[in-house]
Amino acid sequence: MSDVKVNELLEYLLNLLLVEKPDNPTDFLIKKLTELKSKSTSEILNRQDVETMYDLIDVTGKGSITTDQLIKCLENLGVDKKQVESVKNSTNGAQTIDKKKFFSIVSNALNILRDTPYAYIK
């Protein structure tokens, strides 16, 4: 169940219900699930969100983070262990990651979580 992020999806939908308080919750949920399914990339996380994540990790402002910090970030975001391993292998032993590379890696990793609230990055 954790592989498909059902808990996160339910939490997201319940939060929407609490905030928007629709007259017909069933129709509202069906609409939101249909919207989530039809999106390829947008809305929940945008480029600025991912760049902010990077800035929070690069607290010293050096312009790079370590590969270990990237891996920890992916794990904290709930990225599948196989995908994290793939990222480890794709860094080719690089010790540091710049913002552009971070954005590319995180965006691709999160898009694998396509049907969860973490999936959509502009």
Protein backbone atom coordinates (compact mmCIF):
# COMPACT_ATOMS: atom_id res chain seq x y z
CA MET A 1 0.00 0.00 0.00
CA SER A 2 2.82 2.45 0.73
CA ASP A 3 4.24 1.93 -2.75
CA VAL A 4 1.21 3.55 -4.36
CA LYS A 5 0.98 6.37 -1.77
CA VAL A 6 -2.68 5.74 -0.93
CA ASN A 7 -2.36 7.35 2.51
CA GLU A 8 -0.93 10.56 1.06
CA LEU A 9 -3.61 10.70 -1.61
CA LEU A 10 -6.38 10.21 0.97
CA GLU A 11 -4.87 12.85 3.23
CA TYR A 12 -4.74 15.29 0.33
CA LEU A 13 -8.36 14.62 -0.63
CA LEU A 14 -9.59 14.89 2.95
CA ASN A 15 -7.80 18.21 3.33
CA LEU A 16 -9.53 19.44 0.20
CA LEU A 17 -12.88 18.40 1.64
CA LEU A 18 -12.21 20.24 4.89
CA VAL A 19 -11.07 23.41 3.17
CA GLU A 20 -13.60 23.61 0.35
CA LYS A 21 -16.63 22.04 2.13
CA PRO A 22 -18.49 21.07 -1.04
CA ASP A 23 -22.26 20.54 -1.04
CA ASN A 24 -21.83 17.14 -2.64
CA PRO A 25 -18.62 15.50 -1.31
CA THR A 26 -18.91 12.43 -3.52
CA ASP A 27 -19.10 14.40 -6.75
CA PHE A 28 -16.36 16.71 -5.50
CA LEU A 29 -14.02 13.78 -4.79
CA ILE A 30 -14.76 12.15 -8.13
CA LYS A 31 -13.99 15.45 -9.87
CA LYS A 32 -10.71 15.91 -7.96
CA LEU A 33 -9.59 12.33 -8.62
CA THR A 34 -10.39 12.75 -12.31
CA GLU A 35 -8.39 16.00 -12.38
CA LEU A 36 -5.43 14.33 -10.68
CA LYS A 37 -5.54 11.44 -13.10
CA SER A 38 -5.67 13.69 -16.16
CA LYS A 39 -2.80 15.99 -15.19
CA SER A 40 0.63 15.35 -16.56
CA THR A 41 2.49 18.06 -14.66
CA SER A 42 1.21 21.07 -12.77
CA GLU A 43 -0.14 22.67 -9.62
CA ILE A 44 0.85 20.92 -6.42
CA LEU A 45 4.59 21.45 -6.54
CA ASN A 46 5.99 24.03 -8.90
CA ARG A 47 9.51 25.02 -9.88
CA GLN A 48 9.70 27.57 -7.07
CA ASP A 49 8.80 24.89 -4.50
CA VAL A 50 11.63 22.64 -5.67
CA GLU A 51 14.08 25.55 -5.77
CA THR A 52 13.05 26.47 -2.22
CA MET A 53 13.75 22.89 -1.13
CA TYR A 54 17.22 23.24 -2.61
CA ASP A 55 17.81 26.57 -0.87
CA LEU A 56 16.77 25.05 2.46
CA ILE A 57 19.32 22.28 1.99
CA ASP A 58 22.06 24.65 0.78
CA VAL A 59 21.98 26.68 4.01
CA THR A 60 25.51 28.02 3.50
CA GLY A 61 24.66 29.33 0.01
CA LYS A 62 27.63 27.58 -1.63
CA GLY A 63 25.61 26.85 -4.75
CA SER A 64 25.91 23.10 -4.34
CA ILE A 65 24.74 20.34 -2.05
CA THR A 66 26.23 16.92 -1.45
CA THR A 67 24.95 13.80 -3.13
CA ASP A 68 24.14 12.47 0.34
CA GLN A 69 21.92 15.50 0.99
CA LEU A 70 20.13 14.89 -2.31
CA ILE A 71 19.56 11.24 -1.44
CA LYS A 72 18.23 12.16 2.03
CA CYS A 73 15.89 14.71 0.44
CA LEU A 74 14.49 12.09 -1.95
CA GLU A 75 14.01 9.64 0.91
CA ASN A 76 12.21 12.31 2.96
CA LEU A 77 9.93 13.02 0.02
CA GLY A 78 8.95 9.35 -0.06
CA VAL A 79 10.58 8.51 -3.35
CA ASP A 80 10.66 4.76 -4.01
CA LYS A 81 13.88 3.04 -2.89
CA LYS A 82 14.52 1.71 -6.40
CA GLN A 83 14.32 5.23 -7.79
CA VAL A 84 16.66 6.52 -5.06
CA GLU A 85 19.15 3.79 -5.98
CA SER A 86 18.83 4.77 -9.63
CA VAL A 87 19.63 8.38 -8.71
CA LYS A 88 22.65 7.24 -6.68
CA ASN A 89 23.93 5.36 -9.70
CA SER A 90 23.21 8.20 -12.11
CA THR A 91 25.26 10.76 -10.20
CA ASN A 92 28.40 8.92 -11.35
CA GLY A 93 30.18 9.48 -8.06
CA ALA A 94 29.68 13.25 -8.14
CA GLN A 95 30.26 14.72 -4.71
CA THR A 96 28.12 17.83 -5.26
CA ILE A 97 24.88 18.71 -7.03
CA ASP A 98 24.01 22.21 -8.29
CA LYS A 99 20.50 23.69 -8.31
CA LYS A 100 19.84 22.89 -11.98
CA LYS A 101 20.79 19.23 -11.55
CA PHE A 102 18.81 19.05 -8.28
CA PHE A 103 15.70 20.38 -10.00
CA SER A 104 16.06 17.86 -12.81
CA ILE A 105 16.58 14.90 -10.47
CA VAL A 106 13.82 15.81 -8.01
CA SER A 107 11.34 16.62 -10.78
CA ASN A 108 11.94 13.28 -12.46
CA ALA A 109 11.82 11.36 -9.18
CA LEU A 110 8.55 12.97 -8.10
CA ASN A 111 6.92 12.43 -11.46
CA ILE A 112 7.29 8.71 -10.85
CA LEU A 113 4.79 9.26 -8.03
CA ARG A 114 2.29 10.32 -10.68
CA ASP A 115 -1.00 9.57 -8.86
CA THR A 116 -0.10 11.17 -5.54
CA PRO A 117 -0.12 14.74 -4.32
CA TYR A 118 3.66 14.78 -4.77
CA ALA A 119 3.52 14.16 -8.48
CA TYR A 120 2.93 17.44 -10.17
CA ILE A 121 5.79 19.82 -10.84
CA LYS A 122 5.81 22.61 -13.42
